[in-house]
């Protein structure tokens, strides 16, 4: 198969591993920077082209793997959508990526399907600050920008006064944000479940460094392999399915009420999970593409 890997940087660990895994299984991978692509939108023959160093190439793939960063979601998913309308298989569809990137929309869809999450509120009116705080049980609480990655734009307010100041500050910047219950018993740890298809193929527990509540590895957190409980495994697969994602990093926390979903990532990194677990996650993704692409062009997954 000719496999296009949509990534801005061929040197990134995740991109390199996908290239290696594809070659090891006899495929021909090519890394494509979506920002260097342009599209010919026609009814009869929709195409995608790439212009690198003055040379224009029409891109023809059997399958594509989107590794689209949050900062280029709009254009990256437009390019991916063009591949889709051309009949090219994508392991994650454009609509599923945009669905999961919008944290408010993602929370609403998960809630509609009864997926357990920390209590979350959202509002735009300035006079609802006190109501927002009380709706999640008061401080400590989390304030989270709608579009954030690697823990950026996620802030812990330890008192109601701090929460009020923080919410009002975010509002003054016209930033869309969520207010979320803080799960103290999680102890600054969460669980990253790497879902491929309808299976969790690897899982690790991430723990925040001292003095930090965010467990992201980009912020100095540590990771170790963890054995999932059956309900955690089932919840992770269900959350990915609600988003319509065939490859997803589903982040859970263990609460007094059972496991809760805090985020579903459509472009999860491979370095942390492969290093912590020793599993060939990249190879599992390529194997899944081999099997799933035989079913024909993508059909929409998830709703909303």
Protein backbone atom coordinates (compact mmCIF):
# COMPACT_ATOMS: atom_id res chain seq x y z
CA UNK A 1 0.00 0.00 0.00
CA UNK A 2 0.99 3.60 -0.56
CA UNK A 3 0.44 5.30 2.81
CA UNK A 4 0.51 9.06 3.28
CA UNK A 5 1.44 10.30 6.74
CA UNK A 6 0.12 13.82 7.19
CA UNK A 7 2.69 15.43 9.50
CA UNK A 8 4.45 18.76 9.55
CA UNK A 9 7.73 17.26 10.73
CA UNK A 10 9.20 14.00 9.42
CA UNK A 11 11.70 13.98 12.32
CA UNK A 12 9.09 13.70 15.07
CA UNK A 13 9.22 10.40 16.97
CA UNK A 14 5.62 9.43 16.12
CA UNK A 15 6.07 10.17 12.43
CA UNK A 16 9.38 8.28 12.23
CA UNK A 17 7.91 5.24 13.96
CA UNK A 18 4.93 5.11 11.60
CA UNK A 19 7.29 5.30 8.61
CA UNK A 20 9.44 2.49 10.08
CA UNK A 21 6.43 0.30 10.86
CA UNK A 22 4.94 0.79 7.38
CA UNK A 23 8.23 -0.13 5.68
CA UNK A 24 8.68 -3.18 7.92
CA UNK A 25 5.30 -4.47 6.73
CA UNK A 26 6.15 -3.93 3.07
CA UNK A 27 4.32 -0.67 2.43
CA UNK A 28 5.51 2.57 0.82
CA UNK A 29 5.07 5.49 3.26
CA UNK A 30 5.44 9.17 2.40
CA UNK A 31 5.39 12.05 4.87
CA UNK A 32 3.34 15.02 3.66
CA UNK A 33 3.24 18.50 5.20
CA UNK A 34 -0.43 19.50 4.85
CA UNK A 35 0.46 23.20 4.80
CA UNK A 36 2.36 22.56 1.57
CA UNK A 37 -0.72 20.99 -0.04
CA UNK A 38 -3.33 22.57 -2.26
CA UNK A 39 -6.57 21.12 -3.58
CA UNK A 40 -8.43 20.97 -6.85
CA UNK A 41 -12.07 20.82 -5.83
CA UNK A 42 -14.09 19.46 -8.74
CA UNK A 43 -17.06 17.14 -8.96
CA UNK A 44 -15.46 14.71 -11.38
CA UNK A 45 -11.86 14.40 -10.23
CA UNK A 46 -11.02 15.94 -6.84
CA UNK A 47 -7.28 15.91 -6.23
CA UNK A 48 -4.64 16.95 -3.69
CA UNK A 49 -1.28 18.35 -4.76
CA UNK A 50 1.91 19.15 -2.88
CA UNK A 51 4.40 21.85 -3.83
CA UNK A 52 7.88 21.36 -2.38
CA UNK A 53 10.91 23.34 -3.57
CA UNK A 54 9.00 24.53 -6.61
CA UNK A 55 7.98 21.04 -7.72
CA UNK A 56 4.28 20.17 -7.86
CA UNK A 57 3.19 16.56 -7.27
CA UNK A 58 -0.28 15.06 -7.35
CA UNK A 59 -0.72 12.90 -4.26
CA UNK A 60 -2.13 9.42 -4.74
CA UNK A 61 -2.43 7.16 -1.71
CA UNK A 62 -4.29 4.02 -0.75
CA UNK A 63 -4.53 5.21 2.85
CA UNK A 64 -3.58 8.22 4.96
CA UNK A 65 -2.66 8.61 8.63
CA UNK A 66 -3.45 12.11 9.90
CA UNK A 67 -0.99 13.52 12.44
CA UNK A 68 -2.55 16.98 12.43
CA UNK A 69 -1.53 19.37 15.21
CA UNK A 70 -4.10 21.49 17.03
CA UNK A 71 -2.71 24.74 15.61
CA UNK A 72 -3.49 23.65 12.02
CA UNK A 73 -6.73 21.75 12.62
CA UNK A 74 -8.83 23.79 10.16
CA UNK A 75 -6.54 23.51 7.13
CA UNK A 76 -5.24 20.06 8.04
CA UNK A 77 -8.74 18.59 8.20
CA UNK A 78 -9.67 20.37 4.95
CA UNK A 79 -6.81 18.55 3.20
CA UNK A 80 -7.81 15.28 4.87
CA UNK A 81 -11.43 15.81 3.78
CA UNK A 82 -10.23 16.22 0.21
CA UNK A 83 -8.54 12.83 0.37
CA UNK A 84 -11.76 11.38 1.77
CA UNK A 85 -13.95 12.73 -1.05
CA UNK A 86 -11.40 11.25 -3.47
CA UNK A 87 -12.09 7.82 -1.97
CA UNK A 88 -8.86 7.50 0.02
CA UNK A 89 -9.08 5.60 3.30
CA UNK A 90 -8.18 7.56 6.46
CA UNK A 91 -7.72 5.82 9.80
CA UNK A 92 -9.26 8.86 11.53
CA UNK A 93 -11.83 10.89 9.62
CA UNK A 94 -11.74 14.67 9.37
CA UNK A 95 -15.10 15.09 11.13
CA UNK A 96 -13.97 12.92 14.05
CA UNK A 97 -10.80 14.97 14.47
CA UNK A 98 -12.67 18.31 14.54
CA UNK A 99 -15.27 16.79 16.85
CA UNK A 100 -12.66 15.72 19.41
CA UNK A 101 -10.60 18.93 19.15
CA UNK A 102 -13.53 21.06 20.34
CA UNK A 103 -13.56 20.24 24.04
CA UNK A 104 -17.06 21.62 24.61
CA UNK A 105 -18.52 19.63 21.73
CA UNK A 106 -16.63 16.52 22.82
CA UNK A 107 -17.95 16.78 26.38
CA UNK A 108 -21.51 17.27 25.13
CA UNK A 109 -21.31 14.20 22.88
CA UNK A 110 -19.79 12.04 25.61
CA UNK A 111 -22.44 13.23 28.08
CA UNK A 112 -25.22 12.43 25.61
CA UNK A 113 -23.96 8.84 25.44
CA UNK A 114 -23.70 8.55 29.22
CA UNK A 115 -19.90 8.40 29.34
CA UNK A 116 -18.65 9.21 32.85
CA UNK A 117 -16.74 12.52 33.16
CA UNK A 118 -15.90 15.04 35.88
CA UNK A 119 -18.76 17.52 36.37
CA UNK A 120 -18.26 20.21 33.74
CA UNK A 121 -19.89 23.59 33.13
CA UNK A 122 -19.69 26.22 30.42
CA UNK A 123 -21.13 29.71 30.09
CA UNK A 124 -20.48 33.04 28.43
CA UNK A 125 -22.48 35.47 30.55
CA UNK A 126 -20.34 37.42 33.05
CA UNK A 127 -23.02 37.28 35.75
CA UNK A 128 -22.89 33.46 35.87
CA UNK A 129 -19.47 33.23 37.54
CA UNK A 130 -20.77 32.20 40.96
CA UNK A 131 -23.19 29.71 39.42
CA UNK A 132 -20.40 28.12 37.38
CA UNK A 133 -18.26 27.66 40.47
CA UNK A 134 -21.08 26.14 42.53
CA UNK A 135 -22.25 23.87 39.70
CA UNK A 136 -19.00 21.86 39.89
CA UNK A 137 -19.00 21.73 43.68
CA UNK A 138 -16.84 24.79 44.37
CA UNK A 139 -13.07 25.05 44.59
CA UNK A 140 -10.67 23.47 44.03
CA UNK A 141 -11.68 23.32 40.38
CA UNK A 142 -10.15 23.29 36.91
CA UNK A 143 -10.55 26.02 34.31
CA UNK A 144 -9.73 24.77 30.82
CA UNK A 145 -9.53 26.60 27.49
CA UNK A 146 -11.74 24.92 24.87
CA UNK A 147 -8.80 24.28 22.54
CA UNK A 148 -5.69 23.28 24.47
CA UNK A 149 -2.93 20.68 24.20
CA UNK A 150 -0.14 19.31 26.42
CA UNK A 151 -1.78 20.90 29.47
CA UNK A 152 -1.53 24.44 28.10
CA UNK A 153 -4.56 26.57 28.99
CA UNK A 154 -5.47 24.31 31.93
CA UNK A 155 -5.39 26.02 35.32
CA UNK A 156 -6.18 24.88 38.87
CA UNK A 157 -8.06 27.33 41.09
CA UNK A 158 -7.65 26.29 44.73
CA UNK A 159 -10.15 28.73 46.27
CA UNK A 160 -13.49 30.17 45.20
CA UNK A 161 -11.93 33.65 45.14
CA UNK A 162 -9.15 32.46 42.85
CA UNK A 163 -11.70 30.70 40.65
CA UNK A 164 -13.78 33.87 40.38
CA UNK A 165 -10.74 35.94 39.39
CA UNK A 166 -9.61 33.34 36.88
CA UNK A 167 -13.02 32.98 35.22
CA UNK A 168 -13.43 36.74 34.94
CA UNK A 169 -9.92 37.08 33.50
CA UNK A 170 -10.63 34.43 30.85
CA UNK A 171 -13.90 36.18 30.01
CA UNK A 172 -12.20 39.55 29.60
CA UNK A 173 -9.99 37.90 26.96
CA UNK A 174 -13.06 36.53 25.16
CA UNK A 175 -11.65 33.03 25.61
CA UNK A 176 -14.07 30.10 25.51
CA UNK A 177 -13.45 27.81 28.47
CA UNK A 178 -14.83 25.04 30.62
CA UNK A 179 -15.06 24.89 34.40
CA UNK A 180 -14.53 21.37 35.68
CA UNK A 181 -14.68 19.46 38.95
CA UNK A 182 -11.23 18.71 40.42
CA UNK A 183 -10.86 15.03 41.31
CA UNK A 184 -8.61 15.21 44.36
CA UNK A 185 -8.40 11.46 44.92
CA UNK A 186 -6.69 11.02 41.53
CA UNK A 187 -3.58 12.41 43.23
CA UNK A 188 -2.26 14.19 40.13
CA UNK A 189 -2.27 10.97 38.09
CA UNK A 190 -4.20 9.91 35.03
CA UNK A 191 -4.23 6.93 32.69
CA UNK A 192 -3.55 7.18 28.96
CA UNK A 193 -5.30 4.39 27.09
CA UNK A 194 -4.16 3.94 23.50
CA UNK A 195 -7.14 2.70 21.50
CA UNK A 196 -6.83 1.14 18.04
CA UNK A 197 -10.09 -0.05 16.55
CA UNK A 198 -12.12 -1.53 19.38
CA UNK A 199 -9.19 -2.50 21.59
CA UNK A 200 -6.94 -0.80 24.11
CA UNK A 201 -3.56 -1.97 22.86
CA UNK A 202 -1.44 -0.20 25.51
CA UNK A 203 -1.94 1.81 28.68
CA UNK A 204 0.26 3.85 30.98
CA UNK A 205 -0.23 5.80 34.18
CA UNK A 206 1.10 9.35 34.06
CA UNK A 207 1.96 11.11 37.32
CA UNK A 208 2.54 14.82 37.76
CA UNK A 209 5.88 16.07 39.03
CA UNK A 210 5.99 17.55 42.53
CA UNK A 211 4.11 20.84 42.78
CA UNK A 212 2.20 20.25 39.53
CA UNK A 213 -1.35 18.94 39.06
CA UNK A 214 -1.06 18.26 35.30
CA UNK A 215 0.36 14.85 34.52
CA UNK A 216 1.33 15.59 30.91
CA UNK A 217 4.75 14.18 29.98
CA UNK A 218 5.48 17.47 28.18
CA UNK A 219 5.31 19.11 31.60
CA UNK A 220 7.77 16.81 33.31
CA UNK A 221 5.35 14.10 34.37
CA UNK A 222 6.48 10.48 34.63
CA UNK A 223 4.93 7.37 33.09
CA UNK A 224 4.76 3.69 33.97
CA UNK A 225 2.92 0.69 32.62
CA UNK A 226 -0.40 -0.05 34.33
CA UNK A 227 -2.89 -2.91 34.28
CA UNK A 228 -6.34 -1.65 33.38
CA UNK A 229 -9.52 -2.80 35.07
CA UNK A 230 -12.22 -4.19 32.75
CA UNK A 231 -14.49 -1.15 33.24
CA UNK A 232 -11.61 1.22 32.42
CA UNK A 233 -10.82 -0.68 29.23
CA UNK A 234 -14.48 -0.66 28.18
CA UNK A 235 -14.86 3.06 28.96
CA UNK A 236 -11.83 4.00 26.87
CA UNK A 237 -13.08 2.06 23.83
CA UNK A 238 -16.56 3.53 24.22
CA UNK A 239 -15.26 7.10 24.44
CA UNK A 240 -13.20 6.67 21.26
CA UNK A 241 -16.21 5.18 19.50
CA UNK A 242 -18.45 8.12 20.50
CA UNK A 243 -15.90 10.48 18.92
CA UNK A 244 -15.75 8.26 15.82
CA UNK A 245 -12.00 7.71 16.19
CA UNK A 246 -10.26 4.46 15.24
CA UNK A 247 -6.99 5.66 16.78
CA UNK A 248 -7.27 7.65 19.99
CA UNK A 249 -5.51 8.45 23.22
CA UNK A 250 -8.24 8.34 25.87
CA UNK A 251 -7.27 9.89 29.19
CA UNK A 252 -9.00 8.57 32.31
CA UNK A 253 -8.78 9.28 35.99
CA UNK A 254 -9.73 7.02 38.86
CA UNK A 255 -12.31 8.67 41.09
CA UNK A 256 -14.35 7.57 44.08
CA UNK A 257 -17.21 7.03 41.61
CA UNK A 258 -15.19 4.88 39.21
CA UNK A 259 -13.21 5.79 36.07
CA UNK A 260 -13.93 9.12 34.38
CA UNK A 261 -12.92 10.39 30.94
CA UNK A 262 -11.07 13.71 30.92
CA UNK A 263 -10.04 13.89 27.26
CA UNK A 264 -10.06 12.03 23.94
CA UNK A 265 -7.03 12.85 21.79
CA UNK A 266 -7.26 12.26 18.02
CA UNK A 267 -3.49 12.45 17.43
CA UNK A 268 -1.88 10.76 20.45
CA UNK A 269 1.90 10.70 20.62
CA UNK A 270 3.69 7.36 20.40
CA UNK A 271 6.92 8.06 22.25
CA UNK A 272 5.59 8.04 25.80
CA UNK A 273 3.35 5.00 25.39
CA UNK A 274 5.92 2.91 23.49
CA UNK A 275 8.69 3.81 25.95
CA UNK A 276 6.58 3.07 29.03
CA UNK A 277 5.03 -0.17 27.78
CA UNK A 278 7.61 -1.51 25.33
CA UNK A 279 4.80 -2.23 22.86
CA UNK A 280 4.94 -1.70 19.10
CA UNK A 281 2.03 0.74 18.90
CA UNK A 282 3.06 2.03 15.46
CA UNK A 283 3.01 -1.53 14.11
CA UNK A 284 -0.47 -2.08 15.55
CA UNK A 285 -1.74 1.01 13.73
CA UNK A 286 -0.35 -0.19 10.39
CA UNK A 287 -1.82 -3.68 10.93
CA UNK A 288 -5.21 -2.14 11.63
CA UNK A 289 -5.06 -0.08 8.43
CA UNK A 290 -4.28 -3.22 6.42
CA UNK A 291 -7.41 -4.90 7.74
CA UNK A 292 -9.83 -1.99 7.98
CA UNK A 293 -9.03 -0.37 4.62
CA UNK A 294 -10.22 -3.54 2.86
CA UNK A 295 -13.78 -2.67 3.92
CA UNK A 296 -13.77 0.18 1.40
CA UNK A 297 -14.03 4.00 1.71
CA UNK A 298 -14.64 5.49 5.12
CA UNK A 299 -18.15 5.57 6.44
CA UNK A 300 -18.99 8.27 9.03
CA UNK A 301 -18.51 7.10 12.61
CA UNK A 302 -19.95 8.72 15.72
CA UNK A 303 -22.54 11.48 15.64
CA UNK A 304 -22.73 15.17 16.31
